[in-house]
């Protein structure tokens, strides 16, 4: 199972969210996308409060120890299909580029995607989505 960036952010916010995530993930092995690591690193780099920045750095370093899914040529192929699908459906893929990359990784590896933002992934062909 791949956790979307929204899940990793939610897990950092408190234990109540964590219980729902654990229940939704069950016994599945959990992966973090290299795309999510980039998004979380952006959160670190754009933070101006030193205490919050340090807390985010520690959390990110912890997440970097998890199994990471990198982007491959197969991921790129799946991304192209998903982006074209969105465009053909009348939705702009430009606003959801990172979500599409993460969805492509889930499809490539035949993993479910756990997200707190179901609407961001709704209707994408071949994607199994779950929500805590």
C-alpha atoms as a PDB file:
ATOM      1  CA  UNK A   1       0.000   0.000   0.000  1.00  0.00           C
ATOM      2  CA  UNK A   2       1.196   3.503  -0.800  1.00  0.00           C
ATOM      3  CA  UNK A   3       0.310   6.363   1.506  1.00  0.00           C
ATOM      4  CA  UNK A   4      -0.460   9.637  -0.248  1.00  0.00           C
ATOM      5  CA  UNK A   5       1.278  12.737   1.085  1.00  0.00           C
ATOM      6  CA  UNK A   6      -1.962  13.764   2.820  1.00  0.00           C
ATOM      7  CA  UNK A   7      -1.679  10.651   5.010  1.00  0.00           C
ATOM      8  CA  UNK A   8       1.924  11.383   6.019  1.00  0.00           C
ATOM      9  CA  UNK A   9       0.956  14.966   6.893  1.00  0.00           C
ATOM     10  CA  UNK A  10      -2.039  13.713   8.869  1.00  0.00           C
ATOM     11  CA  UNK A  11       0.093  11.215  10.778  1.00  0.00           C
ATOM     12  CA  UNK A  12       2.345  14.048  11.904  1.00  0.00           C
ATOM     13  CA  UNK A  13      -0.665  15.912  13.288  1.00  0.00           C
ATOM     14  CA  UNK A  14      -1.683  13.478  16.007  1.00  0.00           C
ATOM     15  CA  UNK A  15      -2.549  10.001  17.267  1.00  0.00           C
ATOM     16  CA  UNK A  16      -6.284  10.052  16.480  1.00  0.00           C
ATOM     17  CA  UNK A  17      -5.607  10.172  12.756  1.00  0.00           C
ATOM     18  CA  UNK A  18      -2.956   7.483  13.184  1.00  0.00           C
ATOM     19  CA  UNK A  19      -5.443   4.997  14.612  1.00  0.00           C
ATOM     20  CA  UNK A  20      -7.716   5.373  11.574  1.00  0.00           C
ATOM     21  CA  UNK A  21      -4.736   4.972   9.233  1.00  0.00           C
ATOM     22  CA  UNK A  22      -3.543   1.813  11.001  1.00  0.00           C
ATOM     23  CA  UNK A  23      -7.016   0.335  10.729  1.00  0.00           C
ATOM     24  CA  UNK A  24      -7.269   1.191   7.011  1.00  0.00           C
ATOM     25  CA  UNK A  25      -3.798  -0.178   6.213  1.00  0.00           C
ATOM     26  CA  UNK A  26      -4.337  -3.432   8.089  1.00  0.00           C
ATOM     27  CA  UNK A  27      -1.484  -5.867   7.515  1.00  0.00           C
ATOM     28  CA  UNK A  28      -0.377  -4.326   4.210  1.00  0.00           C
ATOM     29  CA  UNK A  29       3.257  -3.344   3.761  1.00  0.00           C
ATOM     30  CA  UNK A  30       3.412   0.462   3.579  1.00  0.00           C
ATOM     31  CA  UNK A  31       5.514   2.440   1.115  1.00  0.00           C
ATOM     32  CA  UNK A  32       6.256   6.129   0.735  1.00  0.00           C
ATOM     33  CA  UNK A  33       6.596   7.624  -2.715  1.00  0.00           C
ATOM     34  CA  UNK A  34       9.704   9.573  -3.671  1.00  0.00           C
ATOM     35  CA  UNK A  35       7.167  12.179  -4.839  1.00  0.00           C
ATOM     36  CA  UNK A  36       5.772  12.458  -1.292  1.00  0.00           C
ATOM     37  CA  UNK A  37       9.291  12.850   0.065  1.00  0.00           C
ATOM     38  CA  UNK A  38       9.741  15.768  -2.327  1.00  0.00           C
ATOM     39  CA  UNK A  39       6.470  17.368  -1.247  1.00  0.00           C
ATOM     40  CA  UNK A  40       7.361  16.952   2.422  1.00  0.00           C
ATOM     41  CA  UNK A  41      10.830  18.357   1.807  1.00  0.00           C
ATOM     42  CA  UNK A  42       9.192  21.397   0.226  1.00  0.00           C
ATOM     43  CA  UNK A  43       7.265  21.806   3.493  1.00  0.00           C
ATOM     44  CA  UNK A  44      10.570  21.776   5.390  1.00  0.00           C
ATOM     45  CA  UNK A  45      12.329  24.197   3.061  1.00  0.00           C
ATOM     46  CA  UNK A  46       9.456  26.684   2.953  1.00  0.00           C
ATOM     47  CA  UNK A  47       8.931  26.760   6.736  1.00  0.00           C
ATOM     48  CA  UNK A  48      10.124  29.978   8.361  1.00  0.00           C
ATOM     49  CA  UNK A  49       9.489  29.071  12.015  1.00  0.00           C
ATOM     50  CA  UNK A  50      12.700  27.429  13.352  1.00  0.00           C
ATOM     51  CA  UNK A  51      10.953  25.139  15.855  1.00  0.00           C
ATOM     52  CA  UNK A  52       8.398  23.892  13.327  1.00  0.00           C
ATOM     53  CA  UNK A  53      11.112  23.498  10.712  1.00  0.00           C
ATOM     54  CA  UNK A  54      13.199  21.331  13.062  1.00  0.00           C
ATOM     55  CA  UNK A  55      10.173  19.180  13.900  1.00  0.00           C
ATOM     56  CA  UNK A  56       9.464  18.705  10.179  1.00  0.00           C
ATOM     57  CA  UNK A  57      13.100  17.808   9.481  1.00  0.00           C
ATOM     58  CA  UNK A  58      13.044  15.103  12.168  1.00  0.00           C
ATOM     59  CA  UNK A  59       9.789  13.695  10.825  1.00  0.00           C
ATOM     60  CA  UNK A  60      11.093  13.684   7.248  1.00  0.00           C
ATOM     61  CA  UNK A  61      14.334  11.932   8.255  1.00  0.00           C
ATOM     62  CA  UNK A  62      12.237   9.274   9.978  1.00  0.00           C
ATOM     63  CA  UNK A  63      10.092   8.778   6.857  1.00  0.00           C
ATOM     64  CA  UNK A  64      13.169   8.477   4.670  1.00  0.00           C
ATOM     65  CA  UNK A  65      13.934   5.220   6.523  1.00  0.00           C
ATOM     66  CA  UNK A  66      10.722   3.624   5.233  1.00  0.00           C
ATOM     67  CA  UNK A  67      10.542   1.619   1.996  1.00  0.00           C
ATOM     68  CA  UNK A  68      10.606   4.225  -0.811  1.00  0.00           C
ATOM     69  CA  UNK A  69       9.073   3.764  -4.253  1.00  0.00           C
ATOM     70  CA  UNK A  70      11.103   5.480  -6.942  1.00  0.00           C
ATOM     71  CA  UNK A  71       9.862   6.636 -10.332  1.00  0.00           C
ATOM     72  CA  UNK A  72      10.600   4.265 -13.221  1.00  0.00           C
ATOM     73  CA  UNK A  73       9.904   4.236 -16.943  1.00  0.00           C
ATOM     74  CA  UNK A  74       6.793   2.152 -16.178  1.00  0.00           C
ATOM     75  CA  UNK A  75       5.662   4.813 -13.729  1.00  0.00           C
ATOM     76  CA  UNK A  76       6.136   7.410 -16.466  1.00  0.00           C
ATOM     77  CA  UNK A  77       3.998   5.375 -18.846  1.00  0.00           C
ATOM     78  CA  UNK A  78       1.205   5.041 -16.278  1.00  0.00           C
ATOM     79  CA  UNK A  79       1.468   8.768 -15.521  1.00  0.00           C
ATOM     80  CA  UNK A  80       1.011   9.606 -19.204  1.00  0.00           C
ATOM     81  CA  UNK A  81      -2.097   7.431 -19.403  1.00  0.00           C
ATOM     82  CA  UNK A  82      -3.582   9.012 -16.259  1.00  0.00           C
ATOM     83  CA  UNK A  83      -2.812  12.581 -17.358  1.00  0.00           C
ATOM     84  CA  UNK A  84      -4.368  11.935 -20.776  1.00  0.00           C
ATOM     85  CA  UNK A  85      -7.419  10.388 -19.102  1.00  0.00           C
ATOM     86  CA  UNK A  86      -7.884  13.487 -16.957  1.00  0.00           C
ATOM     87  CA  UNK A  87      -7.554  15.801 -19.947  1.00  0.00           C
ATOM     88  CA  UNK A  88     -10.017  13.723 -21.987  1.00  0.00           C
ATOM     89  CA  UNK A  89     -12.410  13.850 -19.020  1.00  0.00           C
ATOM     90  CA  UNK A  90     -12.317  17.653 -19.079  1.00  0.00           C
ATOM     91  CA  UNK A  91     -10.129  17.989 -15.972  1.00  0.00           C
ATOM     92  CA  UNK A  92      -6.738  19.638 -16.000  1.00  0.00           C
ATOM     93  CA  UNK A  93      -3.927  17.274 -15.046  1.00  0.00           C
ATOM     94  CA  UNK A  94      -1.646  20.254 -14.328  1.00  0.00           C
ATOM     95  CA  UNK A  95      -3.141  20.958 -10.902  1.00  0.00           C
ATOM     96  CA  UNK A  96      -2.748  17.344  -9.777  1.00  0.00           C
ATOM     97  CA  UNK A  97       0.641  16.419 -11.245  1.00  0.00           C
ATOM     98  CA  UNK A  98       2.144  15.021  -8.032  1.00  0.00           C
ATOM     99  CA  UNK A  99      -1.040  13.101  -7.245  1.00  0.00           C
ATOM    100  CA  UNK A 100      -0.924  11.552 -10.719  1.00  0.00           C
ATOM    101  CA  UNK A 101       2.688  10.447 -10.235  1.00  0.00           C
ATOM    102  CA  UNK A 102       1.796   8.796  -6.912  1.00  0.00           C
ATOM    103  CA  UNK A 103      -1.275   7.161  -8.473  1.00  0.00           C
ATOM    104  CA  UNK A 104       0.914   5.915 -11.334  1.00  0.00           C
ATOM    105  CA  UNK A 105       3.268   4.302  -8.839  1.00  0.00           C
ATOM    106  CA  UNK A 106       0.338   2.559  -7.141  1.00  0.00           C
ATOM    107  CA  UNK A 107      -0.927   1.235 -10.477  1.00  0.00           C
ATOM    108  CA  UNK A 108       2.539   0.145 -11.617  1.00  0.00           C
ATOM    109  CA  UNK A 109       3.076  -1.880  -8.433  1.00  0.00           C
ATOM    110  CA  UNK A 110      -0.549  -3.028  -8.065  1.00  0.00           C
ATOM    111  CA  UNK A 111      -0.819  -1.367  -4.652  1.00  0.00           C
ATOM    112  CA  UNK A 112      -3.799   0.367  -3.124  1.00  0.00           C
ATOM    113  CA  UNK A 113      -3.392   4.090  -2.457  1.00  0.00           C
ATOM    114  CA  UNK A 114      -4.437   5.396   0.951  1.00  0.00           C
ATOM    115  CA  UNK A 115      -5.396   9.068   0.863  1.00  0.00           C
ATOM    116  CA  UNK A 116      -7.291  11.635   2.890  1.00  0.00           C
ATOM    117  CA  UNK A 117      -8.312  13.313  -0.391  1.00  0.00           C
ATOM    118  CA  UNK A 118     -10.490  10.828  -2.267  1.00  0.00           C
ATOM    119  CA  UNK A 119     -11.703  13.459  -4.728  1.00  0.00           C
ATOM    120  CA  UNK A 120      -8.131  14.035  -5.947  1.00  0.00           C
ATOM    121  CA  UNK A 121      -7.977  10.427  -7.169  1.00  0.00           C
ATOM    122  CA  UNK A 122     -11.599   9.704  -8.041  1.00  0.00           C
ATOM    123  CA  UNK A 123     -12.275   7.897 -11.288  1.00  0.00           C
ATOM    124  CA  UNK A 124      -8.662   7.206 -12.268  1.00  0.00           C
ATOM    125  CA  UNK A 125      -8.601   3.968 -14.248  1.00  0.00           C
ATOM    126  CA  UNK A 126      -6.814   1.039 -12.672  1.00  0.00           C
ATOM    127  CA  UNK A 127      -6.344   2.744  -9.297  1.00  0.00           C
ATOM    128  CA  UNK A 128      -7.527   1.186  -6.051  1.00  0.00           C
ATOM    129  CA  UNK A 129      -8.092   3.969  -3.520  1.00  0.00           C
ATOM    130  CA  UNK A 130      -8.824   3.763   0.204  1.00  0.00           C
ATOM    131  CA  UNK A 131      -9.501   6.414   2.821  1.00  0.00           C
ATOM    132  CA  UNK A 132      -8.993   6.205   6.591  1.00  0.00           C
END
